[in-house]
N, C-alpha and C. Protein backbone atom coordinates (compact mmCIF):
# COMPACT_ATOMS: atom_id res chain seq x y z
N UNK A 1 -89.26 145.96 19.31
CA UNK A 1 -88.53 145.19 20.29
C UNK A 1 -87.22 145.93 20.57
N UNK A 2 -86.84 145.95 21.81
CA UNK A 2 -85.59 146.58 22.23
C UNK A 2 -84.66 145.50 22.76
N UNK A 3 -83.44 145.48 22.23
CA UNK A 3 -82.41 144.53 22.64
C UNK A 3 -81.27 145.33 23.27
N UNK A 4 -80.85 144.93 24.46
CA UNK A 4 -79.79 145.67 25.13
C UNK A 4 -78.42 145.19 24.64
N UNK A 5 -77.68 146.11 24.10
CA UNK A 5 -76.30 145.87 23.68
C UNK A 5 -75.43 146.74 24.59
N UNK A 6 -74.30 147.15 24.12
CA UNK A 6 -73.48 148.12 24.86
C UNK A 6 -72.29 148.50 24.01
N UNK A 7 -71.57 149.51 24.49
CA UNK A 7 -70.34 149.89 23.77
C UNK A 7 -69.32 148.77 23.88
N UNK A 8 -69.60 147.77 24.69
CA UNK A 8 -68.74 146.59 24.76
C UNK A 8 -68.58 145.92 23.41
N UNK A 9 -69.50 146.19 22.47
CA UNK A 9 -69.36 145.61 21.13
C UNK A 9 -68.08 146.08 20.44
N UNK A 10 -67.50 147.18 20.91
CA UNK A 10 -66.23 147.65 20.36
C UNK A 10 -65.12 146.62 20.56
N UNK A 11 -65.27 145.77 21.57
CA UNK A 11 -64.21 144.84 21.96
C UNK A 11 -64.06 143.64 21.04
N UNK A 12 -65.12 143.30 20.28
CA UNK A 12 -65.01 142.12 19.43
C UNK A 12 -66.15 142.04 18.43
N UNK A 13 -65.78 141.73 17.22
CA UNK A 13 -66.72 141.28 16.21
C UNK A 13 -67.05 139.82 16.58
N UNK A 14 -67.87 139.16 15.79
CA UNK A 14 -68.13 137.73 16.01
C UNK A 14 -66.90 136.96 15.56
N UNK A 15 -66.46 136.06 16.41
CA UNK A 15 -65.32 135.19 16.06
C UNK A 15 -65.88 134.00 15.30
N UNK A 16 -66.10 134.20 14.02
CA UNK A 16 -66.75 133.18 13.20
C UNK A 16 -66.00 131.86 13.22
N UNK A 17 -64.69 131.89 13.31
CA UNK A 17 -63.90 130.65 13.31
C UNK A 17 -63.88 129.96 14.67
N UNK A 18 -64.31 130.65 15.72
CA UNK A 18 -64.34 130.07 17.06
C UNK A 18 -65.32 130.85 17.95
N UNK A 19 -66.60 130.83 17.61
CA UNK A 19 -67.57 131.65 18.35
C UNK A 19 -67.75 131.24 19.80
N UNK A 20 -67.40 130.02 20.15
CA UNK A 20 -67.58 129.54 21.53
C UNK A 20 -66.32 129.72 22.37
N UNK A 21 -65.31 130.35 21.79
CA UNK A 21 -64.05 130.58 22.50
C UNK A 21 -63.44 129.29 23.03
N UNK A 22 -63.53 128.21 22.23
CA UNK A 22 -62.91 126.96 22.67
C UNK A 22 -61.40 127.03 22.62
N UNK A 23 -60.88 127.98 21.85
CA UNK A 23 -59.43 128.20 21.80
C UNK A 23 -59.18 129.67 22.16
N UNK A 24 -58.50 129.90 23.25
CA UNK A 24 -58.13 131.27 23.61
C UNK A 24 -59.24 132.10 24.20
N UNK A 25 -59.85 131.61 25.27
CA UNK A 25 -60.91 132.38 25.93
C UNK A 25 -60.35 133.68 26.49
N UNK A 26 -61.09 134.75 26.24
CA UNK A 26 -60.76 136.06 26.80
C UNK A 26 -62.06 136.69 27.28
N UNK A 27 -62.13 136.99 28.56
CA UNK A 27 -63.34 137.51 29.20
C UNK A 27 -63.90 138.71 28.44
N UNK A 28 -63.08 139.69 28.15
CA UNK A 28 -63.57 140.93 27.56
C UNK A 28 -63.93 140.77 26.09
N UNK A 29 -63.20 139.93 25.36
CA UNK A 29 -63.58 139.67 23.96
C UNK A 29 -64.90 138.88 23.93
N UNK A 30 -65.07 137.95 24.85
CA UNK A 30 -66.33 137.20 24.91
C UNK A 30 -67.50 138.13 25.23
N UNK A 31 -67.29 139.04 26.18
CA UNK A 31 -68.32 140.02 26.51
C UNK A 31 -68.62 140.88 25.28
N UNK A 32 -67.57 141.35 24.61
CA UNK A 32 -67.75 142.17 23.42
C UNK A 32 -68.51 141.43 22.34
N UNK A 33 -68.16 140.17 22.12
CA UNK A 33 -68.86 139.37 21.11
C UNK A 33 -70.33 139.23 21.48
N UNK A 34 -70.64 139.04 22.76
CA UNK A 34 -72.04 138.89 23.16
C UNK A 34 -72.83 140.16 22.87
N UNK A 35 -72.21 141.32 23.05
CA UNK A 35 -72.90 142.58 22.78
C UNK A 35 -73.02 142.83 21.29
N UNK A 36 -72.01 142.42 20.52
CA UNK A 36 -72.13 142.49 19.07
C UNK A 36 -73.26 141.58 18.61
N UNK A 37 -73.35 140.38 19.18
CA UNK A 37 -74.41 139.45 18.82
C UNK A 37 -75.78 140.04 19.12
N UNK A 38 -75.93 140.73 20.24
CA UNK A 38 -77.22 141.35 20.56
C UNK A 38 -77.60 142.39 19.50
N UNK A 39 -76.62 143.21 19.10
CA UNK A 39 -76.90 144.23 18.08
C UNK A 39 -77.25 143.58 16.75
N UNK A 40 -76.53 142.53 16.38
CA UNK A 40 -76.82 141.83 15.12
C UNK A 40 -78.19 141.15 15.17
N UNK A 41 -78.57 140.64 16.33
CA UNK A 41 -79.90 140.04 16.50
C UNK A 41 -80.97 141.07 16.17
N UNK A 42 -80.84 142.27 16.72
CA UNK A 42 -81.83 143.33 16.44
C UNK A 42 -81.83 143.69 14.96
N UNK A 43 -80.65 143.74 14.37
CA UNK A 43 -80.54 144.08 12.95
C UNK A 43 -81.33 143.09 12.10
N UNK A 44 -81.14 141.80 12.36
CA UNK A 44 -81.83 140.80 11.53
C UNK A 44 -83.29 140.63 11.92
N UNK A 45 -83.60 140.71 13.19
CA UNK A 45 -85.00 140.60 13.61
C UNK A 45 -85.83 141.70 12.94
N UNK A 46 -85.26 142.87 12.80
CA UNK A 46 -85.98 143.94 12.13
C UNK A 46 -86.25 143.58 10.67
N UNK A 47 -85.29 142.97 10.02
CA UNK A 47 -85.47 142.57 8.61
C UNK A 47 -86.61 141.57 8.48
N UNK A 48 -86.61 140.54 9.32
CA UNK A 48 -87.63 139.51 9.17
C UNK A 48 -88.97 139.90 9.79
N UNK A 49 -88.96 140.89 10.68
CA UNK A 49 -90.21 141.34 11.29
C UNK A 49 -90.88 142.47 10.55
N UNK A 50 -90.16 143.12 9.64
CA UNK A 50 -90.69 144.30 8.96
C UNK A 50 -92.02 144.04 8.26
N UNK A 51 -92.16 142.87 7.64
CA UNK A 51 -93.39 142.56 6.91
C UNK A 51 -94.61 142.51 7.82
N UNK A 52 -94.39 142.25 9.10
CA UNK A 52 -95.50 142.18 10.05
C UNK A 52 -95.61 143.43 10.92
N UNK A 53 -94.76 144.43 10.63
CA UNK A 53 -94.79 145.67 11.40
C UNK A 53 -93.92 145.65 12.64
N UNK A 54 -93.18 144.57 12.85
CA UNK A 54 -92.28 144.48 14.00
C UNK A 54 -90.97 145.19 13.68
N UNK A 55 -90.55 146.05 14.56
CA UNK A 55 -89.24 146.70 14.42
C UNK A 55 -88.41 146.36 15.65
N UNK A 56 -87.13 146.29 15.45
CA UNK A 56 -86.22 145.96 16.54
C UNK A 56 -85.08 146.98 16.56
N UNK A 57 -84.61 147.28 17.76
CA UNK A 57 -83.54 148.25 17.95
C UNK A 57 -82.57 147.72 18.98
N UNK A 58 -81.29 147.96 18.76
CA UNK A 58 -80.27 147.65 19.76
C UNK A 58 -80.00 148.93 20.53
N UNK A 59 -79.84 148.81 21.83
CA UNK A 59 -79.68 149.98 22.69
C UNK A 59 -78.43 149.86 23.55
N UNK A 60 -77.63 150.91 23.54
CA UNK A 60 -76.53 151.04 24.49
C UNK A 60 -77.05 151.94 25.61
N UNK A 61 -77.24 151.40 26.81
CA UNK A 61 -77.81 152.21 27.89
C UNK A 61 -76.83 153.22 28.47
N UNK A 62 -75.55 153.06 28.19
CA UNK A 62 -74.54 153.93 28.78
C UNK A 62 -73.76 153.15 29.81
N UNK A 63 -72.74 153.74 30.31
CA UNK A 63 -71.92 153.11 31.34
C UNK A 63 -72.62 153.27 32.68
N UNK A 64 -72.90 152.14 33.31
CA UNK A 64 -73.65 152.13 34.56
C UNK A 64 -72.98 151.15 35.51
N UNK A 65 -72.71 151.59 36.70
CA UNK A 65 -72.16 150.66 37.70
C UNK A 65 -73.34 150.04 38.44
N UNK A 66 -73.51 148.74 38.21
CA UNK A 66 -74.61 147.99 38.80
C UNK A 66 -74.03 146.74 39.47
N UNK A 67 -74.86 145.90 40.05
CA UNK A 67 -74.34 144.66 40.62
C UNK A 67 -73.68 143.73 39.60
N UNK A 68 -73.82 144.03 38.30
CA UNK A 68 -73.15 143.24 37.28
C UNK A 68 -71.64 143.19 37.53
N UNK A 69 -71.09 144.25 38.07
CA UNK A 69 -69.65 144.30 38.31
C UNK A 69 -69.21 143.59 39.59
N UNK A 70 -70.13 143.02 40.31
CA UNK A 70 -69.80 142.40 41.61
C UNK A 70 -68.77 141.27 41.49
N UNK A 71 -68.68 140.66 40.32
CA UNK A 71 -67.74 139.56 40.14
C UNK A 71 -66.42 140.01 39.52
N UNK A 72 -66.24 141.30 39.38
CA UNK A 72 -64.99 141.84 38.85
C UNK A 72 -64.20 142.39 40.03
N UNK A 73 -62.96 141.94 40.14
CA UNK A 73 -62.13 142.33 41.28
C UNK A 73 -62.05 143.85 41.40
N UNK A 74 -62.05 144.31 42.62
CA UNK A 74 -61.96 145.76 42.89
C UNK A 74 -60.74 146.36 42.21
N UNK A 75 -59.61 145.65 42.26
CA UNK A 75 -58.38 146.16 41.63
C UNK A 75 -58.59 146.37 40.13
N UNK A 76 -59.33 145.46 39.48
CA UNK A 76 -59.58 145.62 38.05
C UNK A 76 -60.53 146.79 37.79
N UNK A 77 -61.51 146.96 38.66
CA UNK A 77 -62.43 148.09 38.52
C UNK A 77 -61.68 149.42 38.64
N UNK A 78 -60.73 149.46 39.54
CA UNK A 78 -59.90 150.66 39.70
C UNK A 78 -59.03 150.84 38.46
N UNK A 79 -58.40 149.76 37.99
CA UNK A 79 -57.54 149.83 36.80
C UNK A 79 -58.33 150.25 35.56
N UNK A 80 -59.58 149.84 35.47
CA UNK A 80 -60.43 150.22 34.33
C UNK A 80 -60.88 151.68 34.43
N UNK A 81 -60.70 152.27 35.61
CA UNK A 81 -61.13 153.66 35.80
C UNK A 81 -62.59 153.80 36.17
N UNK A 82 -63.21 152.70 36.57
CA UNK A 82 -64.62 152.75 36.93
C UNK A 82 -64.84 153.34 38.31
N UNK A 83 -63.93 153.01 39.21
CA UNK A 83 -64.02 153.54 40.58
C UNK A 83 -62.65 154.06 41.01
N UNK A 84 -62.66 154.96 41.97
CA UNK A 84 -61.41 155.44 42.53
C UNK A 84 -60.94 154.47 43.61
N UNK A 85 -59.73 154.67 44.07
CA UNK A 85 -59.19 153.78 45.11
C UNK A 85 -60.01 153.86 46.40
N UNK A 86 -60.75 154.95 46.55
CA UNK A 86 -61.60 155.09 47.74
C UNK A 86 -63.00 154.50 47.52
N UNK A 87 -63.24 153.91 46.32
CA UNK A 87 -64.52 153.27 46.04
C UNK A 87 -65.56 154.17 45.41
N UNK A 88 -65.25 155.45 45.23
CA UNK A 88 -66.22 156.35 44.61
C UNK A 88 -66.29 156.10 43.10
N UNK A 89 -67.47 156.28 42.54
CA UNK A 89 -67.66 156.09 41.10
C UNK A 89 -66.95 157.18 40.32
N UNK A 90 -66.37 156.79 39.20
CA UNK A 90 -65.72 157.77 38.33
C UNK A 90 -66.79 158.60 37.63
N UNK A 91 -66.41 159.76 37.16
CA UNK A 91 -67.32 160.62 36.41
C UNK A 91 -67.75 159.93 35.11
N UNK A 92 -68.92 160.29 34.63
CA UNK A 92 -69.39 159.80 33.34
C UNK A 92 -70.32 158.60 33.42
N UNK A 93 -70.52 158.04 34.59
CA UNK A 93 -71.42 156.90 34.72
C UNK A 93 -72.84 157.38 34.92
N UNK A 94 -73.79 156.63 34.36
CA UNK A 94 -75.20 156.94 34.51
C UNK A 94 -75.78 156.15 35.66
N UNK A 95 -76.88 156.64 36.17
CA UNK A 95 -77.66 155.88 37.14
C UNK A 95 -78.45 154.83 36.35
N UNK A 96 -78.93 153.79 37.01
CA UNK A 96 -79.76 152.83 36.29
C UNK A 96 -80.97 153.48 35.61
N UNK A 97 -81.59 154.46 36.26
CA UNK A 97 -82.74 155.14 35.66
C UNK A 97 -82.32 155.90 34.39
N UNK A 98 -81.19 156.57 34.43
CA UNK A 98 -80.70 157.27 33.25
C UNK A 98 -80.38 156.27 32.14
N UNK A 99 -79.83 155.13 32.52
CA UNK A 99 -79.51 154.11 31.54
C UNK A 99 -80.75 153.52 30.89
N UNK A 100 -81.85 153.45 31.62
CA UNK A 100 -83.09 152.91 31.08
C UNK A 100 -83.75 153.85 30.08
N UNK A 101 -83.39 155.12 30.11
CA UNK A 101 -84.07 156.12 29.28
C UNK A 101 -84.01 155.78 27.79
N UNK A 102 -82.86 155.34 27.29
CA UNK A 102 -82.77 155.06 25.85
C UNK A 102 -83.61 153.84 25.47
N UNK A 103 -83.68 152.84 26.32
CA UNK A 103 -84.52 151.68 26.03
C UNK A 103 -86.00 152.08 25.98
N UNK A 104 -86.43 152.90 26.91
CA UNK A 104 -87.82 153.36 26.92
C UNK A 104 -88.08 154.21 25.68
N UNK A 105 -87.15 155.09 25.36
CA UNK A 105 -87.28 155.93 24.17
C UNK A 105 -87.40 155.06 22.91
N UNK A 106 -86.51 154.08 22.78
CA UNK A 106 -86.53 153.22 21.59
C UNK A 106 -87.83 152.44 21.48
N UNK A 107 -88.39 152.05 22.61
CA UNK A 107 -89.64 151.28 22.60
C UNK A 107 -90.86 152.14 22.26
N UNK A 108 -90.74 153.46 22.42
CA UNK A 108 -91.92 154.31 22.28
C UNK A 108 -91.80 155.44 21.27
N UNK A 109 -90.64 155.72 20.74
CA UNK A 109 -90.44 156.88 19.87
C UNK A 109 -90.96 156.61 18.46
N UNK A 110 -92.06 157.22 18.09
CA UNK A 110 -92.64 157.03 16.76
C UNK A 110 -91.67 157.35 15.62
N UNK A 111 -90.83 158.38 15.73
CA UNK A 111 -89.92 158.68 14.62
C UNK A 111 -88.91 157.57 14.32
N UNK A 112 -88.72 156.65 15.23
CA UNK A 112 -87.78 155.56 15.00
C UNK A 112 -88.30 154.53 13.99
N UNK A 113 -89.57 154.56 13.69
CA UNK A 113 -90.15 153.57 12.78
C UNK A 113 -89.40 153.50 11.45
N UNK A 114 -88.83 154.60 11.01
CA UNK A 114 -88.08 154.61 9.76
C UNK A 114 -86.64 154.16 9.91
N UNK A 115 -86.25 153.79 11.12
CA UNK A 115 -84.87 153.40 11.40
C UNK A 115 -84.80 152.00 11.98
N UNK A 116 -85.63 151.10 11.52
CA UNK A 116 -85.64 149.75 12.05
C UNK A 116 -84.26 149.12 12.01
N UNK A 117 -83.93 148.41 13.08
CA UNK A 117 -82.63 147.77 13.19
C UNK A 117 -81.54 148.70 13.68
N UNK A 118 -81.90 149.93 13.99
CA UNK A 118 -80.89 150.93 14.40
C UNK A 118 -80.27 150.59 15.75
N UNK A 119 -79.05 151.06 15.91
CA UNK A 119 -78.33 150.99 17.18
C UNK A 119 -78.50 152.36 17.82
N UNK A 120 -79.01 152.40 19.03
CA UNK A 120 -79.34 153.67 19.67
C UNK A 120 -78.53 153.88 20.94
N UNK A 121 -78.25 155.15 21.22
CA UNK A 121 -77.61 155.54 22.48
C UNK A 121 -78.03 156.96 22.80
N UNK A 122 -78.08 157.28 24.06
CA UNK A 122 -78.43 158.64 24.52
C UNK A 122 -79.70 159.16 23.85
N UNK A 123 -80.72 158.32 23.77
CA UNK A 123 -82.03 158.68 23.20
C UNK A 123 -81.92 159.23 21.79
N UNK A 124 -81.10 158.57 20.98
CA UNK A 124 -80.93 158.94 19.58
C UNK A 124 -80.36 157.74 18.82
N UNK A 125 -80.43 157.81 17.50
CA UNK A 125 -79.78 156.80 16.68
C UNK A 125 -78.29 157.11 16.70
N UNK A 126 -77.48 156.11 17.00
CA UNK A 126 -76.03 156.30 17.12
C UNK A 126 -75.40 156.54 15.75
N UNK A 127 -74.38 157.35 15.76
CA UNK A 127 -73.57 157.59 14.57
C UNK A 127 -72.55 156.46 14.43
N UNK A 128 -72.03 156.24 13.23
CA UNK A 128 -70.93 155.27 13.11
C UNK A 128 -69.76 155.69 13.99
N UNK A 129 -69.14 154.72 14.63
CA UNK A 129 -68.00 155.02 15.51
C UNK A 129 -66.85 155.57 14.67
N UNK A 130 -66.32 156.69 15.10
CA UNK A 130 -65.23 157.33 14.35
C UNK A 130 -63.87 156.73 14.68
N UNK A 131 -63.78 156.11 15.86
CA UNK A 131 -62.51 155.52 16.29
C UNK A 131 -62.81 154.41 17.29
N UNK A 132 -61.83 154.05 18.09
CA UNK A 132 -62.01 152.95 19.05
C UNK A 132 -62.32 153.43 20.46
N UNK A 133 -62.73 154.67 20.62
CA UNK A 133 -63.03 155.23 21.94
C UNK A 133 -64.44 154.84 22.37
N UNK A 134 -64.52 153.82 23.19
CA UNK A 134 -65.82 153.33 23.66
C UNK A 134 -66.58 154.39 24.45
N UNK A 135 -65.86 155.29 25.11
CA UNK A 135 -66.53 156.30 25.92
C UNK A 135 -67.25 157.32 25.05
N UNK A 136 -66.72 157.60 23.87
CA UNK A 136 -67.40 158.50 22.94
C UNK A 136 -68.61 157.80 22.36
N UNK A 137 -68.45 156.52 22.09
CA UNK A 137 -69.58 155.73 21.61
C UNK A 137 -69.72 155.72 20.11
N UNK A 138 -70.95 155.52 19.70
CA UNK A 138 -71.23 155.26 18.30
C UNK A 138 -71.36 153.76 18.11
N UNK A 139 -71.41 153.35 16.87
CA UNK A 139 -71.57 151.93 16.59
C UNK A 139 -70.55 151.49 15.55
N UNK A 140 -69.88 150.39 15.83
CA UNK A 140 -68.94 149.80 14.89
C UNK A 140 -69.73 149.16 13.75
N UNK A 141 -69.18 149.22 12.55
CA UNK A 141 -69.88 148.69 11.38
C UNK A 141 -70.21 147.21 11.53
N UNK A 142 -69.34 146.45 12.20
CA UNK A 142 -69.59 145.01 12.32
C UNK A 142 -70.82 144.69 13.16
N UNK A 143 -71.27 145.63 13.99
CA UNK A 143 -72.41 145.38 14.87
C UNK A 143 -73.76 145.63 14.19
N UNK A 144 -73.74 146.20 13.00
CA UNK A 144 -74.98 146.48 12.28
C UNK A 144 -74.92 145.98 10.84
N UNK A 145 -73.97 145.11 10.55
CA UNK A 145 -73.79 144.59 9.19
C UNK A 145 -74.90 143.59 8.86
N UNK A 146 -75.72 143.87 7.84
CA UNK A 146 -76.83 142.95 7.53
C UNK A 146 -76.37 141.53 7.16
N UNK A 147 -75.26 141.41 6.46
CA UNK A 147 -74.77 140.07 6.11
C UNK A 147 -74.35 139.28 7.33
N UNK A 148 -73.66 139.93 8.25
CA UNK A 148 -73.26 139.26 9.49
C UNK A 148 -74.48 138.94 10.34
N UNK A 149 -75.47 139.83 10.33
CA UNK A 149 -76.69 139.59 11.10
C UNK A 149 -77.41 138.34 10.59
N UNK A 150 -77.52 138.21 9.27
CA UNK A 150 -78.17 137.04 8.69
C UNK A 150 -77.36 135.78 8.98
N UNK A 151 -76.05 135.89 8.91
CA UNK A 151 -75.17 134.74 9.18
C UNK A 151 -75.31 134.28 10.62
N UNK A 152 -75.34 135.22 11.55
CA UNK A 152 -75.48 134.87 12.97
C UNK A 152 -76.85 134.27 13.23
N UNK A 153 -77.89 134.80 12.59
CA UNK A 153 -79.24 134.24 12.75
C UNK A 153 -79.26 132.79 12.29
N UNK A 154 -78.66 132.54 11.13
CA UNK A 154 -78.62 131.17 10.60
C UNK A 154 -77.84 130.25 11.53
N UNK A 155 -76.71 130.72 12.04
CA UNK A 155 -75.91 129.90 12.95
C UNK A 155 -76.69 129.62 14.24
N UNK A 156 -77.35 130.64 14.77
CA UNK A 156 -78.13 130.46 16.00
C UNK A 156 -79.28 129.50 15.78
N UNK A 157 -79.94 129.61 14.62
CA UNK A 157 -81.04 128.70 14.30
C UNK A 157 -80.55 127.26 14.22
N UNK A 158 -79.40 127.07 13.61
CA UNK A 158 -78.83 125.73 13.51
C UNK A 158 -78.47 125.18 14.89
N UNK A 159 -77.87 126.00 15.72
CA UNK A 159 -77.44 125.55 17.05
C UNK A 159 -78.62 125.24 17.97
N UNK A 160 -79.70 126.00 17.84
CA UNK A 160 -80.85 125.81 18.73
C UNK A 160 -81.94 124.93 18.14
N UNK A 161 -81.91 124.76 16.82
CA UNK A 161 -82.97 124.01 16.16
C UNK A 161 -84.26 124.82 16.05
N UNK A 162 -84.17 126.13 16.27
CA UNK A 162 -85.34 127.00 16.21
C UNK A 162 -85.16 128.06 15.13
N UNK A 163 -86.18 128.24 14.32
CA UNK A 163 -86.18 129.30 13.32
C UNK A 163 -87.61 129.62 12.97
N UNK A 164 -88.34 130.17 13.93
CA UNK A 164 -89.75 130.41 13.77
C UNK A 164 -90.10 131.62 12.93
N UNK A 165 -89.12 132.46 12.59
CA UNK A 165 -89.42 133.70 11.92
C UNK A 165 -88.97 133.78 10.47
N UNK A 166 -88.04 132.96 10.06
CA UNK A 166 -87.44 133.13 8.74
C UNK A 166 -88.42 133.09 7.59
N UNK A 167 -89.55 132.41 7.75
CA UNK A 167 -90.53 132.38 6.68
C UNK A 167 -91.01 133.79 6.33
N UNK A 168 -90.96 134.72 7.31
CA UNK A 168 -91.39 136.09 7.08
C UNK A 168 -90.36 136.88 6.28
N UNK A 169 -89.13 136.39 6.23
CA UNK A 169 -88.06 137.11 5.54
C UNK A 169 -88.09 136.83 4.04
N UNK A 170 -88.80 135.85 3.63
CA UNK A 170 -88.80 135.46 2.21
C UNK A 170 -89.71 136.32 1.40
């Protein structure tokens, strides 16, 4: 199984004391937390699916300008360095097809079987992030922490009333 995450996970670990942002909502921290949650989901799904041969991977497709940004003000896109003042895309962005490559690779690459739960980018298993530079990439430790992954799974199961897989983890 391939789960789409992103380097946005650099922006926030899970806010365990306020995961719903009921106090102090911040757009970018909420986005970051959602991407961390996606990576943690893959981490734990791999643990509970391993007994049945199911493997899961989190994938950072790369920086891609898509219609997702349509709700972000042009001025903010310019300030973020995504586009120039003339509307041209900044260097370093991938096309949607290039961004899909890592997801396809993760879904089909036989050598990945030994790396279940891995966070992948650029058609490879990502290295641990050396610093806070999202453009360089890598993966923050909080996004692949097995304890946090299990904790988030339990919290999600409690919130949704669904836990169809945990029996396989025992």
